N, C-alpha and C. Protein backbone atom coordinates (compact mmCIF):
# COMPACT_ATOMS: atom_id res chain seq x y z
N MET A 1 12.50 6.44 -1.23
CA MET A 1 12.07 7.97 -1.69
C MET A 1 11.93 8.71 -1.11
N GLN A 2 12.18 9.67 -1.19
CA GLN A 2 12.02 10.85 0.15
C GLN A 2 12.11 12.33 -0.33
N VAL A 3 11.26 13.10 -0.26
CA VAL A 3 11.13 14.10 -0.76
C VAL A 3 10.22 15.43 0.25
N ASP A 4 10.73 16.81 0.05
CA ASP A 4 10.33 17.65 1.09
C ASP A 4 8.92 18.09 0.58
N THR A 5 8.10 18.35 2.13
CA THR A 5 6.80 18.25 2.11
C THR A 5 5.97 19.66 2.33
N ASP A 6 4.82 19.62 1.85
CA ASP A 6 4.09 20.90 1.72
C ASP A 6 3.35 20.58 3.26
N CYS A 7 3.19 21.11 4.30
CA CYS A 7 2.21 20.95 5.83
C CYS A 7 1.42 20.98 5.20
N ARG A 8 0.78 21.63 4.22
CA ARG A 8 -0.77 22.01 3.95
C ARG A 8 -1.67 20.60 3.13
N LYS A 9 -0.37 19.69 2.85
CA LYS A 9 -0.81 18.59 2.04
C LYS A 9 -1.31 17.08 2.97
N ARG A 10 -2.09 16.82 2.76
CA ARG A 10 -2.99 15.64 3.98
C ARG A 10 -1.59 14.50 4.21
N GLY A 11 -0.54 14.62 3.22
CA GLY A 11 -0.24 13.21 4.00
C GLY A 11 1.34 13.89 4.46
N PHE A 12 1.33 14.93 5.07
CA PHE A 12 2.22 15.93 5.69
C PHE A 12 3.09 14.85 6.44
N GLY A 13 4.54 14.66 6.26
CA GLY A 13 4.73 13.61 7.29
C GLY A 13 4.84 11.85 7.73
N LYS A 14 4.25 11.67 6.60
CA LYS A 14 3.66 10.27 6.49
C LYS A 14 4.62 9.32 5.42
N THR A 15 4.58 7.97 5.79
CA THR A 15 5.07 7.07 4.90
C THR A 15 4.30 5.76 4.65
N VAL A 16 4.72 5.40 3.22
CA VAL A 16 3.61 4.66 2.60
C VAL A 16 4.50 3.58 2.29
N LEU A 17 4.83 2.40 1.70
CA LEU A 17 5.03 1.19 1.61
C LEU A 17 4.02 0.66 0.16
N VAL A 18 4.74 0.88 -1.06
CA VAL A 18 4.33 0.45 -2.76
C VAL A 18 4.83 -0.96 -2.85
N VAL A 19 3.59 -1.98 -2.93
CA VAL A 19 3.98 -3.15 -2.76
C VAL A 19 3.22 -3.33 -4.38
N ASP A 20 4.81 -3.69 -5.52
CA ASP A 20 3.95 -3.94 -6.89
C ASP A 20 5.18 -4.66 -7.97
N ASP A 21 5.04 -5.82 -8.37
CA ASP A 21 5.98 -6.31 -8.93
C ASP A 21 6.05 -5.53 -10.30
N ASN A 22 5.23 -4.32 -11.00
CA ASN A 22 5.82 -3.75 -11.82
C ASN A 22 6.14 -2.46 -11.70
N PRO A 23 7.40 -2.25 -12.32
CA PRO A 23 8.03 -0.96 -11.72
C PRO A 23 7.48 0.35 -12.21
N PRO A 24 6.57 0.30 -13.45
CA PRO A 24 5.79 1.62 -13.71
C PRO A 24 4.77 2.34 -13.28
N ILE A 25 3.88 0.68 -12.60
CA ILE A 25 2.97 0.85 -11.67
C ILE A 25 3.43 1.28 -10.62
N ARG A 26 4.59 0.95 -9.92
CA ARG A 26 5.21 1.43 -8.44
C ARG A 26 5.64 2.64 -8.38
N LYS A 27 6.05 3.18 -9.55
CA LYS A 27 6.27 4.61 -9.74
C LYS A 27 5.08 5.49 -9.86
N THR A 28 4.61 5.51 -10.72
CA THR A 28 3.24 6.05 -10.87
C THR A 28 2.17 6.25 -8.87
N LEU A 29 2.13 5.51 -8.25
CA LEU A 29 1.76 5.08 -7.48
C LEU A 29 2.86 5.74 -6.43
N ALA A 30 3.81 6.12 -6.43
CA ALA A 30 5.14 6.58 -5.28
C ALA A 30 4.77 8.09 -5.74
N GLY A 31 4.27 8.39 -6.80
CA GLY A 31 4.46 9.79 -7.35
C GLY A 31 2.63 9.96 -6.82
N ALA A 32 2.10 9.53 -6.94
CA ALA A 32 0.41 10.09 -6.91
C ALA A 32 1.07 10.29 -4.96
N PHE A 33 1.67 9.02 -4.09
CA PHE A 33 1.12 9.95 -2.58
C PHE A 33 2.31 10.85 -2.51
N LEU A 34 3.57 10.82 -3.08
CA LEU A 34 4.42 12.04 -2.48
C LEU A 34 3.98 13.49 -3.39
N SER A 35 3.59 13.45 -4.57
CA SER A 35 2.39 14.82 -4.50
C SER A 35 1.41 15.43 -3.80
N ASP A 36 1.01 14.28 -3.01
CA ASP A 36 -0.10 14.67 -1.96
C ASP A 36 0.27 14.86 -0.73
N GLY A 37 1.93 14.79 -0.62
CA GLY A 37 2.93 15.28 0.41
C GLY A 37 3.00 14.14 1.64
N PHE A 38 3.14 13.12 0.86
CA PHE A 38 3.69 11.81 2.07
C PHE A 38 5.26 12.25 1.91
N LYS A 39 5.63 12.14 3.37
CA LYS A 39 7.27 12.22 3.11
C LYS A 39 8.01 11.13 2.62
N THR A 40 7.56 10.01 2.66
CA THR A 40 8.49 8.69 2.47
C THR A 40 7.70 7.97 1.60
N CYS A 41 8.04 7.70 0.31
CA CYS A 41 7.43 6.28 0.04
C CYS A 41 8.47 5.22 -0.86
N SER A 42 8.24 4.39 0.42
CA SER A 42 9.11 3.45 0.16
C SER A 42 8.35 1.68 -1.07
N GLU A 43 9.73 1.94 -1.57
CA GLU A 43 8.69 0.63 -2.56
C GLU A 43 9.18 -0.78 -2.75
N ALA A 44 8.50 -1.78 -2.87
CA ALA A 44 9.18 -2.95 -2.78
C ALA A 44 8.29 -3.83 -4.13
N GLU A 45 8.82 -5.01 -4.75
CA GLU A 45 8.63 -5.26 -5.91
C GLU A 45 7.74 -7.04 -5.18
N ASN A 46 8.15 -7.26 -4.38
CA ASN A 46 7.56 -8.55 -3.82
C ASN A 46 6.66 -8.73 -2.47
N GLY A 47 6.51 -9.56 -2.07
CA GLY A 47 5.84 -9.66 -0.61
C GLY A 47 7.04 -10.19 0.14
N THR A 48 8.12 -10.24 -0.26
CA THR A 48 9.09 -10.88 0.82
C THR A 48 9.96 -9.98 1.26
N GLU A 49 10.28 -9.02 -0.03
CA GLU A 49 10.72 -7.50 -0.02
C GLU A 49 9.93 -6.20 0.51
N ALA A 50 8.87 -6.65 0.66
CA ALA A 50 7.54 -5.84 1.41
C ALA A 50 7.34 -5.54 3.30
N VAL A 51 8.27 -7.08 3.25
CA VAL A 51 8.28 -7.69 4.85
C VAL A 51 8.93 -7.19 5.58
N GLU A 52 10.24 -7.32 4.83
CA GLU A 52 11.30 -6.93 5.43
C GLU A 52 11.95 -5.36 5.52
N LEU A 53 11.34 -5.04 4.06
CA LEU A 53 10.75 -3.35 3.76
C LEU A 53 10.43 -2.70 5.01
N ALA A 54 9.32 -3.47 5.32
CA ALA A 54 8.08 -2.35 6.11
C ALA A 54 8.75 -2.60 7.81
N GLN A 55 9.37 -3.56 8.10
CA GLN A 55 10.28 -3.64 9.35
C GLN A 55 11.17 -2.68 9.76
N ARG A 56 11.36 -2.33 8.72
CA ARG A 56 12.84 -1.34 8.82
C ARG A 56 12.24 0.74 8.83
N VAL A 57 10.94 0.24 7.62
CA VAL A 57 10.33 1.90 7.46
C VAL A 57 8.77 2.29 8.15
N LYS A 58 8.52 1.04 9.02
CA LYS A 58 7.26 1.57 10.10
C LYS A 58 6.13 2.35 8.91
N PRO A 59 5.89 1.68 7.86
CA PRO A 59 4.73 2.52 7.13
C PRO A 59 3.57 2.82 8.02
N ASP A 60 3.10 3.92 7.17
CA ASP A 60 1.70 4.39 7.71
C ASP A 60 0.54 3.68 7.55
N VAL A 61 0.41 3.31 6.07
CA VAL A 61 -0.05 2.96 5.09
C VAL A 61 0.59 1.59 4.42
N ILE A 62 -0.20 0.79 3.64
CA ILE A 62 0.80 0.05 2.90
C ILE A 62 -0.27 -0.42 1.31
N THR A 63 0.20 -0.29 0.53
CA THR A 63 -0.53 -0.67 -0.95
C THR A 63 0.16 -1.98 -1.51
N MET A 64 -0.35 -3.16 -1.68
CA MET A 64 -0.35 -3.84 -2.11
C MET A 64 -0.62 -4.61 -2.96
N ASP A 65 -0.31 -5.54 -3.73
CA ASP A 65 -0.42 -5.85 -5.28
C ASP A 65 -0.82 -7.31 -5.16
N LEU A 66 -1.78 -7.71 -5.58
CA LEU A 66 -2.12 -8.99 -5.51
C LEU A 66 -1.10 -10.47 -6.03
N SER A 67 -0.86 -10.57 -7.35
CA SER A 67 -0.43 -11.15 -7.83
C SER A 67 1.13 -10.87 -8.30
N MET A 68 2.03 -11.46 -7.33
CA MET A 68 3.25 -11.05 -7.44
C MET A 68 4.29 -12.40 -7.78
N PRO A 69 5.60 -12.39 -7.93
CA PRO A 69 6.23 -13.35 -7.89
C PRO A 69 6.81 -13.18 -6.53
N GLY A 70 7.00 -15.00 -5.87
CA GLY A 70 7.11 -15.21 -4.81
C GLY A 70 6.20 -15.59 -3.99
N ILE A 71 5.88 -15.05 -2.87
CA ILE A 71 4.69 -15.14 -2.21
C ILE A 71 3.47 -13.84 -2.64
N SER A 72 2.95 -14.86 -2.57
CA SER A 72 1.35 -13.19 -3.07
C SER A 72 0.95 -12.32 -1.95
N GLY A 73 -0.02 -11.40 -2.65
CA GLY A 73 -0.17 -10.18 -1.84
C GLY A 73 -1.00 -10.66 -0.60
N LEU A 74 -2.05 -11.32 -0.77
CA LEU A 74 -2.38 -12.29 0.15
C LEU A 74 -1.64 -12.60 1.75
N VAL A 75 -0.60 -13.79 1.23
CA VAL A 75 0.57 -14.03 2.16
C VAL A 75 1.01 -12.91 3.04
N ALA A 76 1.70 -12.19 1.99
CA ALA A 76 2.22 -10.87 2.42
C ALA A 76 1.86 -10.00 3.61
N ALA A 77 0.47 -9.88 3.26
CA ALA A 77 -0.70 -9.12 3.74
C ALA A 77 -0.96 -9.29 5.43
N SER A 78 -1.06 -11.12 5.03
CA SER A 78 -1.39 -11.40 6.85
C SER A 78 0.17 -11.43 7.45
N ALA A 79 1.23 -11.43 6.58
CA ALA A 79 2.40 -11.12 7.57
C ALA A 79 2.61 -10.09 7.67
N LEU A 80 2.72 -8.89 7.46
CA LEU A 80 2.35 -7.32 7.74
C LEU A 80 1.65 -7.43 8.88
N ARG A 81 0.01 -7.68 8.72
CA ARG A 81 -0.68 -7.56 9.90
C ARG A 81 -0.13 -7.97 10.94
N LYS A 82 0.75 -9.21 11.03
CA LYS A 82 1.09 -9.64 12.55
C LYS A 82 1.82 -8.60 13.20
N LEU A 83 2.95 -7.73 11.85
CA LEU A 83 3.96 -7.33 12.76
C LEU A 83 3.34 -5.63 12.81
N PHE A 84 2.11 -5.31 12.14
CA PHE A 84 1.38 -4.02 12.20
C PHE A 84 -0.15 -3.86 12.57
N PRO A 85 -0.45 -4.40 13.44
CA PRO A 85 -1.90 -4.32 13.93
C PRO A 85 -2.91 -3.69 13.26
N ARG A 86 -2.27 -2.53 13.44
CA ARG A 86 -3.09 -1.29 13.02
C ARG A 86 -2.64 0.00 11.75
N VAL A 87 -2.32 -1.07 11.20
CA VAL A 87 -1.56 0.22 9.48
C VAL A 87 -2.40 -0.54 8.42
N PRO A 88 -3.07 0.20 7.90
CA PRO A 88 -3.79 0.40 6.75
C PRO A 88 -3.46 -0.58 5.51
N ILE A 89 -3.90 -1.66 5.34
CA ILE A 89 -3.20 -2.25 3.81
C ILE A 89 -4.36 -2.31 3.09
N ILE A 90 -3.47 -1.86 2.06
CA ILE A 90 -4.68 -1.76 0.44
C ILE A 90 -4.51 -2.64 0.14
N LEU A 91 -5.08 -3.75 -0.88
CA LEU A 91 -4.49 -4.59 -1.60
C LEU A 91 -5.58 -3.61 -3.29
N PHE A 92 -3.89 -3.51 -4.23
CA PHE A 92 -4.64 -2.92 -5.42
C PHE A 92 -4.42 -3.63 -6.34
N THR A 93 -5.80 -4.26 -7.21
CA THR A 93 -5.50 -5.34 -8.11
C THR A 93 -6.20 -5.22 -8.89
N LEU A 94 -5.82 -5.82 -9.91
CA LEU A 94 -7.11 -5.86 -11.21
C LEU A 94 -8.23 -6.96 -11.23
N TYR A 95 -7.96 -7.81 -9.74
CA TYR A 95 -8.71 -8.97 -9.65
C TYR A 95 -9.37 -8.23 -8.87
N ALA A 96 -10.11 -7.39 -8.33
CA ALA A 96 -11.38 -7.18 -7.28
C ALA A 96 -12.38 -7.77 -7.49
N ASN A 97 -12.78 -8.55 -6.83
CA ASN A 97 -14.18 -8.81 -6.88
C ASN A 97 -14.74 -9.39 -5.38
N LYS A 98 -15.93 -9.66 -5.26
CA LYS A 98 -16.52 -10.24 -3.79
C LYS A 98 -15.86 -11.15 -2.92
N LEU A 99 -15.50 -12.35 -3.68
CA LEU A 99 -15.18 -13.35 -3.24
C LEU A 99 -13.59 -13.13 -2.72
N LEU A 100 -12.61 -12.36 -3.57
CA LEU A 100 -11.18 -11.57 -2.69
C LEU A 100 -11.55 -10.87 -2.02
N GLU A 101 -12.47 -10.38 -2.04
CA GLU A 101 -12.70 -8.99 -0.38
C GLU A 101 -12.57 -10.15 0.61
N ILE A 102 -13.31 -11.15 0.29
CA ILE A 102 -13.66 -12.20 1.33
C ILE A 102 -12.06 -12.69 2.03
N GLU A 103 -11.64 -13.31 1.10
CA GLU A 103 -10.14 -13.67 1.50
C GLU A 103 -9.50 -12.82 1.72
N ALA A 104 -9.20 -11.63 1.18
CA ALA A 104 -8.52 -10.66 1.67
C ALA A 104 -8.72 -10.29 3.15
N ALA A 105 -9.99 -10.16 3.07
CA ALA A 105 -10.29 -9.66 4.99
C ALA A 105 -9.63 -10.57 6.19
N LYS A 106 -9.58 -12.34 5.80
CA LYS A 106 -9.26 -13.25 6.17
C LYS A 106 -7.71 -12.79 6.17
N ALA A 107 -7.18 -12.50 5.57
CA ALA A 107 -5.60 -12.58 5.40
C ALA A 107 -5.12 -10.49 5.98
N GLY A 108 -6.32 -10.01 6.46
CA GLY A 108 -5.57 -8.91 7.57
C GLY A 108 -5.94 -7.69 6.14
N VAL A 109 -6.59 -7.63 5.35
CA VAL A 109 -6.50 -6.54 4.23
C VAL A 109 -7.32 -5.65 4.50
N SER A 110 -7.13 -4.29 4.90
CA SER A 110 -8.19 -3.70 5.57
C SER A 110 -9.13 -2.86 3.72
N LEU A 111 -8.60 -3.39 2.27
CA LEU A 111 -9.57 -2.69 1.21
C LEU A 111 -9.05 -3.30 0.58
N VAL A 112 -9.82 -3.40 -0.65
CA VAL A 112 -9.55 -4.30 -1.89
C VAL A 112 -10.26 -3.36 -2.65
N LEU A 113 -9.20 -2.62 -3.40
CA LEU A 113 -9.45 -1.49 -4.45
C LEU A 113 -9.20 -1.49 -6.11
N SER A 114 -9.87 -1.79 -6.97
CA SER A 114 -9.14 -2.31 -8.34
C SER A 114 -7.92 -1.23 -8.99
N LYS A 115 -7.62 -2.01 -9.50
CA LYS A 115 -6.81 -0.68 -9.98
C LYS A 115 -7.58 0.28 -11.05
N THR A 116 -8.64 -0.45 -11.61
CA THR A 116 -9.21 1.01 -12.47
C THR A 116 -9.52 1.89 -11.85
N ALA A 117 -9.69 2.07 -10.83
CA ALA A 117 -9.92 2.99 -9.63
C ALA A 117 -9.37 4.20 -9.77
N PRO A 118 -9.52 5.53 -10.24
CA PRO A 118 -8.80 6.54 -10.06
C PRO A 118 -7.98 6.68 -8.90
N LEU A 119 -6.52 6.98 -9.34
CA LEU A 119 -5.61 7.06 -8.05
C LEU A 119 -6.14 7.98 -6.86
N SER A 120 -6.71 8.95 -7.37
CA SER A 120 -7.11 9.69 -6.09
C SER A 120 -8.24 9.40 -5.38
N THR A 121 -8.81 7.65 -5.57
CA THR A 121 -9.43 7.18 -4.92
C THR A 121 -8.42 6.33 -3.85
N LEU A 122 -7.48 5.72 -4.46
CA LEU A 122 -6.57 5.15 -3.46
C LEU A 122 -6.22 6.03 -2.28
N ILE A 123 -5.46 7.74 -3.25
CA ILE A 123 -4.91 7.84 -1.89
C ILE A 123 -6.29 8.88 -1.06
N ASP A 124 -7.52 8.47 -1.81
CA ASP A 124 -8.45 9.56 -0.50
C ASP A 124 -8.44 8.06 0.69
N MET A 125 -8.70 7.02 -0.20
CA MET A 125 -9.02 5.98 0.91
C MET A 125 -7.94 5.80 1.88
N ALA A 126 -6.63 6.08 1.23
CA ALA A 126 -5.39 5.28 2.61
C ALA A 126 -5.24 6.62 3.58
N HIS A 127 -5.90 8.01 3.12
CA HIS A 127 -6.22 8.73 4.47
C HIS A 127 -7.17 8.49 5.37
N GLU A 128 -8.87 8.33 4.67
CA GLU A 128 -9.68 8.11 5.54
C GLU A 128 -8.94 6.62 6.04
N MET A 129 -8.63 5.40 6.15
CA MET A 129 -8.13 4.28 6.97
C MET A 129 -6.94 5.17 7.94
N MET A 130 -6.28 6.06 7.45
CA MET A 130 -4.98 6.26 8.02
C MET A 130 -6.05 7.32 9.03
N GLY A 131 -6.83 7.62 9.49
CA GLY A 131 -7.76 8.48 10.63
C GLY A 131 -7.45 10.15 9.93
């Protein structure tokens, strides 16, 4: 999905990859990033698709669900980290806790954020991590 962007918005010209097996959640996240001025939002429904798609779109930031069919968000994050050592990977999950944060860090995840957090927090953290 691609839209015309307003250069006054923070996400101007950036690409986000949203990975979640739940289509309404993917669409909601995509809409939030596009509303913030991101040029492109690519969507994947599982970790395998995410790795393949990321190689084509070269995202500036990635949001990833933990629990998905096929490979988990942590396994996909580990593969993505090898391909994109500097791209922020945000694990956006219902299961955020301290133990998961430790495991996620080992897999190369930059931040674990609960899906109960406001979408504005996700967008703010993505900007902060992209610099």
